[in-house]
């Protein structure tokens, strides 16, 4: 089901997701220090780091799209929305 969204709404949503993920990443680093015997935490920390980089790339791509082609208040096409999320 397609839900209409403007570019500014998409940017805000990506920023919120990136913020939550980065908080989880930092908490995972703390947990890895507190629970050194847990061998899965370093992998989990790396997954959060990778996801943070992905959110940054998506955010930058949307920002570039807005600067080059679209206005902030224009609706994001369904195809673009699926690609960015």
PDB file of N, CA and C in Angstrom:
ATOM      1  N   UNK A   1       0.835  -1.178   0.000  1.00  0.00           N
ATOM      2  CA  UNK A   1       0.000   0.000   0.000  1.00  0.00           C
ATOM      3  C   UNK A   1       0.879   1.239   0.000  1.00  0.00           C
ATOM      4  N   UNK A   2       0.666   2.119  -0.949  1.00  0.00           N
ATOM      5  CA  UNK A   2       1.461   3.334  -1.098  1.00  0.00           C
ATOM      6  C   UNK A   2       0.877   4.454  -0.247  1.00  0.00           C
ATOM      7  N   UNK A   3       1.715   5.067   0.552  1.00  0.00           N
ATOM      8  CA  UNK A   3       1.311   6.210   1.370  1.00  0.00           C
ATOM      9  C   UNK A   3       2.046   7.431   0.840  1.00  0.00           C
ATOM     10  N   UNK A   4       1.296   8.458   0.434  1.00  0.00           N
ATOM     11  CA  UNK A   4       1.907   9.668  -0.112  1.00  0.00           C
ATOM     12  C   UNK A   4       2.756  10.350   0.956  1.00  0.00           C
ATOM     13  N   UNK A   5       3.904  10.859   0.516  1.00  0.00           N
ATOM     14  CA  UNK A   5       4.829  11.504   1.428  1.00  0.00           C
ATOM     15  C   UNK A   5       5.602  12.558   0.646  1.00  0.00           C
ATOM     16  N   UNK A   6       5.833  13.705   1.263  1.00  0.00           N
ATOM     17  CA  UNK A   6       6.648  14.734   0.616  1.00  0.00           C
ATOM     18  C   UNK A   6       8.123  14.454   0.889  1.00  0.00           C
ATOM     19  N   UNK A   7       8.985  15.141   0.145  1.00  0.00           N
ATOM     20  CA  UNK A   7      10.416  14.949   0.338  1.00  0.00           C
ATOM     21  C   UNK A   7      10.866  15.389   1.725  1.00  0.00           C
ATOM     22  N   UNK A   8      10.285  16.456   2.262  1.00  0.00           N
ATOM     23  CA  UNK A   8      10.666  16.900   3.603  1.00  0.00           C
ATOM     24  C   UNK A   8      10.251  15.854   4.633  1.00  0.00           C
ATOM     25  N   UNK A   9       9.095  15.233   4.451  1.00  0.00           N
ATOM     26  CA  UNK A   9       8.665  14.169   5.366  1.00  0.00           C
ATOM     27  C   UNK A   9       9.609  12.963   5.280  1.00  0.00           C
ATOM     28  N   UNK A  10      10.023  12.642   4.065  1.00  0.00           N
ATOM     29  CA  UNK A  10      10.949  11.535   3.869  1.00  0.00           C
ATOM     30  C   UNK A  10      12.291  11.832   4.534  1.00  0.00           C
ATOM     31  N   UNK A  11      12.788  13.046   4.364  1.00  0.00           N
ATOM     32  CA  UNK A  11      14.057  13.416   5.000  1.00  0.00           C
ATOM     33  C   UNK A  11      13.952  13.326   6.520  1.00  0.00           C
ATOM     34  N   UNK A  12      12.859  13.804   7.058  1.00  0.00           N
ATOM     35  CA  UNK A  12      12.682  13.741   8.516  1.00  0.00           C
ATOM     36  C   UNK A  12      12.596  12.300   9.003  1.00  0.00           C
ATOM     37  N   UNK A  13      11.894  11.450   8.257  1.00  0.00           N
ATOM     38  CA  UNK A  13      11.767  10.052   8.643  1.00  0.00           C
ATOM     39  C   UNK A  13      13.134   9.358   8.599  1.00  0.00           C
ATOM     40  N   UNK A  14      13.900   9.615   7.550  1.00  0.00           N
ATOM     41  CA  UNK A  14      15.235   9.019   7.461  1.00  0.00           C
ATOM     42  C   UNK A  14      16.135   9.521   8.589  1.00  0.00           C
ATOM     43  N   UNK A  15      16.011  10.799   8.929  1.00  0.00           N
ATOM     44  CA  UNK A  15      16.811  11.357  10.025  1.00  0.00           C
ATOM     45  C   UNK A  15      16.448  10.688  11.351  1.00  0.00           C
ATOM     46  N   UNK A  16      15.168  10.461  11.579  1.00  0.00           N
ATOM     47  CA  UNK A  16      14.731   9.792  12.813  1.00  0.00           C
ATOM     48  C   UNK A  16      15.248   8.357  12.877  1.00  0.00           C
ATOM     49  N   UNK A  17      15.143   7.643  11.762  1.00  0.00           N
ATOM     50  CA  UNK A  17      15.628   6.264  11.727  1.00  0.00           C
ATOM     51  C   UNK A  17      17.141   6.216  11.935  1.00  0.00           C
ATOM     52  N   UNK A  18      17.853   7.146  11.301  1.00  0.00           N
ATOM     53  CA  UNK A  18      19.306   7.193  11.448  1.00  0.00           C
ATOM     54  C   UNK A  18      19.695   7.507  12.885  1.00  0.00           C
ATOM     55  N   UNK A  19      18.965   8.413  13.501  1.00  0.00           N
ATOM     56  CA  UNK A  19      19.245   8.775  14.885  1.00  0.00           C
ATOM     57  C   UNK A  19      19.042   7.592  15.825  1.00  0.00           C
ATOM     58  N   UNK A  20      17.937   6.887  15.661  1.00  0.00           N
ATOM     59  CA  UNK A  20      17.673   5.716  16.508  1.00  0.00           C
ATOM     60  C   UNK A  20      18.729   4.649  16.283  1.00  0.00           C
ATOM     61  N   UNK A  21      19.075   4.412  15.035  1.00  0.00           N
ATOM     62  CA  UNK A  21      20.074   3.401  14.729  1.00  0.00           C
ATOM     63  C   UNK A  21      21.432   3.774  15.327  1.00  0.00           C
ATOM     64  N   UNK A  22      21.797   5.054  15.252  1.00  0.00           N
ATOM     65  CA  UNK A  22      23.087   5.476  15.791  1.00  0.00           C
ATOM     66  C   UNK A  22      23.110   5.328  17.311  1.00  0.00           C
ATOM     67  N   UNK A  23      21.998   5.626  17.963  1.00  0.00           N
ATOM     68  CA  UNK A  23      21.896   5.418  19.405  1.00  0.00           C
ATOM     69  C   UNK A  23      22.073   3.936  19.733  1.00  0.00           C
ATOM     70  N   UNK A  24      21.437   3.072  18.966  1.00  0.00           N
ATOM     71  CA  UNK A  24      21.580   1.627  19.155  1.00  0.00           C
ATOM     72  C   UNK A  24      23.029   1.185  18.920  1.00  0.00           C
ATOM     73  N   UNK A  25      23.676   1.775  17.940  1.00  0.00           N
ATOM     74  CA  UNK A  25      25.078   1.470  17.637  1.00  0.00           C
ATOM     75  C   UNK A  25      25.973   1.816  18.831  1.00  0.00           C
ATOM     76  N   UNK A  26      25.784   3.017  19.373  1.00  0.00           N
ATOM     77  CA  UNK A  26      26.601   3.424  20.513  1.00  0.00           C
ATOM     78  C   UNK A  26      26.314   2.552  21.741  1.00  0.00           C
ATOM     79  N   UNK A  27      25.048   2.221  21.956  1.00  0.00           N
ATOM     80  CA  UNK A  27      24.701   1.341  23.076  1.00  0.00           C
ATOM     81  C   UNK A  27      25.320  -0.040  22.888  1.00  0.00           C
ATOM     82  N   UNK A  28      25.359  -0.505  21.666  1.00  0.00           N
ATOM     83  CA  UNK A  28      25.965  -1.795  21.373  1.00  0.00           C
ATOM     84  C   UNK A  28      27.459  -1.779  21.687  1.00  0.00           C
ATOM     85  N   UNK A  29      28.115  -0.656  21.408  1.00  0.00           N
ATOM     86  CA  UNK A  29      29.536  -0.531  21.745  1.00  0.00           C
ATOM     87  C   UNK A  29      29.740  -0.589  23.259  1.00  0.00           C
ATOM     88  N   UNK A  30      28.852   0.068  24.002  1.00  0.00           N
ATOM     89  CA  UNK A  30      28.922   0.036  25.463  1.00  0.00           C
ATOM     90  C   UNK A  30      28.686  -1.386  25.954  1.00  0.00           C
ATOM     91  N   UNK A  31      27.655  -2.031  25.408  1.00  0.00           N
ATOM     92  CA  UNK A  31      27.345  -3.405  25.801  1.00  0.00           C
ATOM     93  C   UNK A  31      28.528  -4.342  25.533  1.00  0.00           C
ATOM     94  N   UNK A  32      29.220  -4.116  24.427  1.00  0.00           N
ATOM     95  CA  UNK A  32      30.381  -4.952  24.094  1.00  0.00           C
ATOM     96  C   UNK A  32      31.486  -4.788  25.137  1.00  0.00           C
ATOM     97  N   UNK A  33      31.626  -3.592  25.678  1.00  0.00           N
ATOM     98  CA  UNK A  33      32.620  -3.378  26.736  1.00  0.00           C
ATOM     99  C   UNK A  33      32.201  -4.039  28.045  1.00  0.00           C
ATOM    100  N   UNK A  34      30.917  -3.962  28.337  1.00  0.00           N
ATOM    101  CA  UNK A  34      30.414  -4.515  29.592  1.00  0.00           C
ATOM    102  C   UNK A  34      30.305  -6.036  29.571  1.00  0.00           C
ATOM    103  N   UNK A  35      30.114  -6.594  28.390  1.00  0.00           N
ATOM    104  CA  UNK A  35      29.914  -8.037  28.238  1.00  0.00           C
ATOM    105  C   UNK A  35      30.919  -8.607  27.243  1.00  0.00           C
ATOM    106  N   UNK A  36      32.170  -8.506  27.591  1.00  0.00           N
ATOM    107  CA  UNK A  36      33.245  -8.929  26.676  1.00  0.00           C
ATOM    108  C   UNK A  36      33.142 -10.402  26.293  1.00  0.00           C
ATOM    109  N   UNK A  37      32.500 -11.206  27.133  1.00  0.00           N
ATOM    110  CA  UNK A  37      32.396 -12.633  26.842  1.00  0.00           C
ATOM    111  C   UNK A  37      31.335 -12.943  25.771  1.00  0.00           C
ATOM    112  N   UNK A  38      30.468 -11.993  25.488  1.00  0.00           N
ATOM    113  CA  UNK A  38      29.428 -12.187  24.468  1.00  0.00           C
ATOM    114  C   UNK A  38      30.052 -11.989  23.087  1.00  0.00           C
ATOM    115  N   UNK A  39      30.225 -13.072  22.381  1.00  0.00           N
ATOM    116  CA  UNK A  39      30.918 -13.021  21.089  1.00  0.00           C
ATOM    117  C   UNK A  39      30.039 -12.482  19.952  1.00  0.00           C
ATOM    118  N   UNK A  40      28.734 -12.359  20.192  1.00  0.00           N
ATOM    119  CA  UNK A  40      27.840 -11.855  19.149  1.00  0.00           C
ATOM    120  C   UNK A  40      27.781 -10.322  19.121  1.00  0.00           C
ATOM    121  N   UNK A  41      28.126  -9.670  20.213  1.00  0.00           N
ATOM    122  CA  UNK A  41      28.011  -8.206  20.272  1.00  0.00           C
ATOM    123  C   UNK A  41      28.888  -7.468  19.250  1.00  0.00           C
ATOM    124  N   UNK A  42      30.130  -7.880  19.034  1.00  0.00           N
ATOM    125  CA  UNK A  42      30.918  -7.172  18.011  1.00  0.00           C
ATOM    126  C   UNK A  42      30.273  -7.223  16.619  1.00  0.00           C
ATOM    127  N   UNK A  43      29.670  -8.368  16.296  1.00  0.00           N
ATOM    128  CA  UNK A  43      28.985  -8.488  14.998  1.00  0.00           C
ATOM    129  C   UNK A  43      27.758  -7.579  14.953  1.00  0.00           C
ATOM    130  N   UNK A  44      27.021  -7.544  16.045  1.00  0.00           N
ATOM    131  CA  UNK A  44      25.843  -6.677  16.126  1.00  0.00           C
ATOM    132  C   UNK A  44      26.255  -5.208  15.997  1.00  0.00           C
ATOM    133  N   UNK A  45      27.353  -4.848  16.654  1.00  0.00           N
ATOM    134  CA  UNK A  45      27.861  -3.475  16.567  1.00  0.00           C
ATOM    135  C   UNK A  45      28.215  -3.130  15.124  1.00  0.00           C
ATOM    136  N   UNK A  46      28.853  -4.045  14.445  1.00  0.00           N
ATOM    137  CA  UNK A  46      29.209  -3.829  13.042  1.00  0.00           C
ATOM    138  C   UNK A  46      27.962  -3.676  12.170  1.00  0.00           C
ATOM    139  N   UNK A  47      26.928  -4.438  12.455  1.00  0.00           N
ATOM    140  CA  UNK A  47      25.677  -4.318  11.697  1.00  0.00           C
ATOM    141  C   UNK A  47      25.066  -2.931  11.881  1.00  0.00           C
ATOM    142  N   UNK A  48      25.074  -2.429  13.120  1.00  0.00           N
ATOM    143  CA  UNK A  48      24.565  -1.080  13.370  1.00  0.00           C
ATOM    144  C   UNK A  48      25.393  -0.033  12.629  1.00  0.00           C
ATOM    145  N   UNK A  49      26.705  -0.223  12.618  1.00  0.00           N
ATOM    146  CA  UNK A  49      27.582   0.720  11.912  1.00  0.00           C
ATOM    147  C   UNK A  49      27.275   0.721  10.415  1.00  0.00           C
ATOM    148  N   UNK A  50      27.139  -0.462   9.846  1.00  0.00           N
ATOM    149  CA  UNK A  50      26.825  -0.574   8.419  1.00  0.00           C
ATOM    150  C   UNK A  50      25.481   0.079   8.102  1.00  0.00           C
ATOM    151  N   UNK A  51      24.510  -0.147   8.979  1.00  0.00           N
ATOM    152  CA  UNK A  51      23.188   0.441   8.770  1.00  0.00           C
ATOM    153  C   UNK A  51      23.246   1.967   8.870  1.00  0.00           C
ATOM    154  N   UNK A  52      24.075   2.483   9.762  1.00  0.00           N
ATOM    155  CA  UNK A  52      24.244   3.933   9.881  1.00  0.00           C
ATOM    156  C   UNK A  52      24.781   4.527   8.579  1.00  0.00           C
ATOM    157  N   UNK A  53      25.739   3.849   7.997  1.00  0.00           N
ATOM    158  CA  UNK A  53      26.301   4.307   6.723  1.00  0.00           C
ATOM    159  C   UNK A  53      25.248   4.270   5.620  1.00  0.00           C
ATOM    160  N   UNK A  54      24.415   3.253   5.636  1.00  0.00           N
ATOM    161  CA  UNK A  54      23.346   3.137   4.642  1.00  0.00           C
ATOM    162  C   UNK A  54      22.342   4.280   4.782  1.00  0.00           C
ATOM    163  N   UNK A  55      21.938   4.589   6.026  1.00  0.00           N
ATOM    164  CA  UNK A  55      21.016   5.714   6.240  1.00  0.00           C
ATOM    165  C   UNK A  55      21.635   7.030   5.780  1.00  0.00           C
ATOM    166  N   UNK A  56      22.909   7.215   6.035  1.00  0.00           N
ATOM    167  CA  UNK A  56      23.592   8.443   5.609  1.00  0.00           C
ATOM    168  C   UNK A  56      23.579   8.558   4.086  1.00  0.00           C
ATOM    169  N   UNK A  57      23.826   7.464   3.404  1.00  0.00           N
ATOM    170  CA  UNK A  57      23.810   7.466   1.939  1.00  0.00           C
ATOM    171  C   UNK A  57      22.411   7.770   1.411  1.00  0.00           C
ATOM    172  N   UNK A  58      21.404   7.146   2.002  1.00  0.00           N
ATOM    173  CA  UNK A  58      20.021   7.388   1.564  1.00  0.00           C
ATOM    174  C   UNK A  58      19.638   8.852   1.796  1.00  0.00           C
ATOM    175  N   UNK A  59      19.973   9.372   2.964  1.00  0.00           N
ATOM    176  CA  UNK A  59      19.661  10.761   3.280  1.00  0.00           C
ATOM    177  C   UNK A  59      20.338  11.697   2.279  1.00  0.00           C
ATOM    178  N   UNK A  60      21.602  11.451   1.997  1.00  0.00           N
ATOM    179  CA  UNK A  60      22.348  12.288   1.049  1.00  0.00           C
ATOM    180  C   UNK A  60      21.764  12.204  -0.351  1.00  0.00           C
ATOM    181  N   UNK A  61      21.314  11.014  -0.738  1.00  0.00           N
ATOM    182  CA  UNK A  61      20.704  10.839  -2.061  1.00  0.00           C
ATOM    183  C   UNK A  61      19.398  11.612  -2.171  1.00  0.00           C
ATOM    184  N   UNK A  62      18.560  11.521  -1.138  1.00  0.00           N
ATOM    185  CA  UNK A  62      17.294  12.267  -1.152  1.00  0.00           C
ATOM    186  C   UNK A  62      17.576  13.762  -1.173  1.00  0.00           C
ATOM    187  N   UNK A  63      18.526  14.199  -0.384  1.00  0.00           N
ATOM    188  CA  UNK A  63      18.884  15.614  -0.330  1.00  0.00           C
ATOM    189  C   UNK A  63      19.362  16.105  -1.696  1.00  0.00           C
ATOM    190  N   UNK A  64      20.181  15.313  -2.360  1.00  0.00           N
ATOM    191  CA  UNK A  64      20.660  15.682  -3.695  1.00  0.00           C
ATOM    192  C   UNK A  64      19.514  15.716  -4.699  1.00  0.00           C
ATOM    193  N   UNK A  65      18.583  14.786  -4.587  1.00  0.00           N
ATOM    194  CA  UNK A  65      17.420  14.757  -5.471  1.00  0.00           C
ATOM    195  C   UNK A  65      16.607  16.033  -5.315  1.00  0.00           C
ATOM    196  N   UNK A  66      16.413  16.433  -4.074  1.00  0.00           N
ATOM    197  CA  UNK A  66      15.626  17.647  -3.801  1.00  0.00           C
ATOM    198  C   UNK A  66      16.343  18.869  -4.366  1.00  0.00           C
ATOM    199  N   UNK A  67      17.635  18.940  -4.189  1.00  0.00           N
ATOM    200  CA  UNK A  67      18.400  20.095  -4.661  1.00  0.00           C
ATOM    201  C   UNK A  67      18.411  20.171  -6.185  1.00  0.00           C
ATOM    202  N   UNK A  68      18.451  19.013  -6.829  1.00  0.00           N
ATOM    203  CA  UNK A  68      18.602  18.981  -8.283  1.00  0.00           C
ATOM    204  C   UNK A  68      17.299  18.927  -9.056  1.00  0.00           C
ATOM    205  N   UNK A  69      16.275  18.306  -8.491  1.00  0.00           N
ATOM    206  CA  UNK A  69      15.097  18.037  -9.298  1.00  0.00           C
ATOM    207  C   UNK A  69      13.778  18.452  -8.662  1.00  0.00           C
ATOM    208  N   UNK A  70      13.620  18.213  -7.396  1.00  0.00           N
ATOM    209  CA  UNK A  70      12.321  18.344  -6.755  1.00  0.00           C
ATOM    210  C   UNK A  70      12.333  19.427  -5.687  1.00  0.00           C
ATOM    211  N   UNK A  71      11.149  19.843  -5.295  1.00  0.00           N
ATOM    212  CA  UNK A  71      10.995  20.744  -4.172  1.00  0.00           C
ATOM    213  C   UNK A  71      10.696  19.946  -2.916  1.00  0.00           C
ATOM    214  N   UNK A  72      10.977  20.525  -1.775  1.00  0.00           N
ATOM    215  CA  UNK A  72      10.760  19.824  -0.504  1.00  0.00           C
ATOM    216  C   UNK A  72       9.308  19.454  -0.277  1.00  0.00           C
ATOM    217  N   UNK A  73       8.389  20.252  -0.799  1.00  0.00           N
ATOM    218  CA  UNK A  73       6.970  20.009  -0.558  1.00  0.00           C
ATOM    219  C   UNK A  73       6.317  19.130  -1.619  1.00  0.00           C
ATOM    220  N   UNK A  74       7.088  18.686  -2.600  1.00  0.00           N
ATOM    221  CA  UNK A  74       6.534  17.810  -3.635  1.00  0.00           C
ATOM    222  C   UNK A  74       6.437  16.382  -3.110  1.00  0.00           C
ATOM    223  N   UNK A  75       5.467  15.647  -3.622  1.00  0.00           N
ATOM    224  CA  UNK A  75       5.292  14.252  -3.227  1.00  0.00           C
ATOM    225  C   UNK A  75       6.400  13.392  -3.830  1.00  0.00           C
ATOM    226  N   UNK A  76       6.834  12.436  -3.057  1.00  0.00           N
ATOM    227  CA  UNK A  76       7.816  11.456  -3.512  1.00  0.00           C
ATOM    228  C   UNK A  76       7.073  10.403  -4.320  1.00  0.00           C
ATOM    229  N   UNK A  77       7.621  10.041  -5.471  1.00  0.00           N
ATOM    230  CA  UNK A  77       6.970   9.003  -6.270  1.00  0.00           C
ATOM    231  C   UNK A  77       7.056   7.672  -5.528  1.00  0.00           C
ATOM    232  N   UNK A  78       6.137   6.784  -5.840  1.00  0.00           N
ATOM    233  CA  UNK A  78       6.115   5.471  -5.198  1.00  0.00           C
ATOM    234  C   UNK A  78       7.426   4.730  -5.445  1.00  0.00           C
ATOM    235  N   UNK A  79       7.937   4.824  -6.657  1.00  0.00           N
ATOM    236  CA  UNK A  79       9.192   4.152  -7.010  1.00  0.00           C
ATOM    237  C   UNK A  79      10.356   4.689  -6.173  1.00  0.00           C
ATOM    238  N   UNK A  80      10.450   6.031  -6.071  1.00  0.00           N
ATOM    239  CA  UNK A  80      11.515   6.632  -5.264  1.00  0.00           C
ATOM    240  C   UNK A  80      11.369   6.280  -3.797  1.00  0.00           C
ATOM    241  N   UNK A  81      10.145   6.314  -3.305  1.00  0.00           N
ATOM    242  CA  UNK A  81       9.901   6.007  -1.895  1.00  0.00           C
ATOM    243  C   UNK A  81      10.346   4.579  -1.572  1.00  0.00           C
ATOM    244  N   UNK A  82      10.008   3.653  -2.432  1.00  0.00           N
ATOM    245  CA  UNK A  82      10.427   2.258  -2.223  1.00  0.00           C
ATOM    246  C   UNK A  82      11.947   2.124  -2.265  1.00  0.00           C
ATOM    247  N   UNK A  83      12.593   2.906  -3.136  1.00  0.00           N
ATOM    248  CA  UNK A  83      14.055   2.857  -3.238  1.00  0.00           C
ATOM    249  C   UNK A  83      14.754   3.450  -2.033  1.00  0.00           C
ATOM    250  N   UNK A  84      14.187   4.478  -1.440  1.00  0.00           N
ATOM    251  CA  UNK A  84      14.812   5.155  -0.310  1.00  0.00           C
ATOM    252  C   UNK A  84      14.540   4.453   1.022  1.00  0.00           C
ATOM    253  N   UNK A  85      13.476   3.680   1.077  1.00  0.00           N
ATOM    254  CA  UNK A  85      13.147   2.995   2.324  1.00  0.00           C
ATOM    255  C   UNK A  85      13.602   1.565   2.242  1.00  0.00           C
TER     256      UNK A  85
END
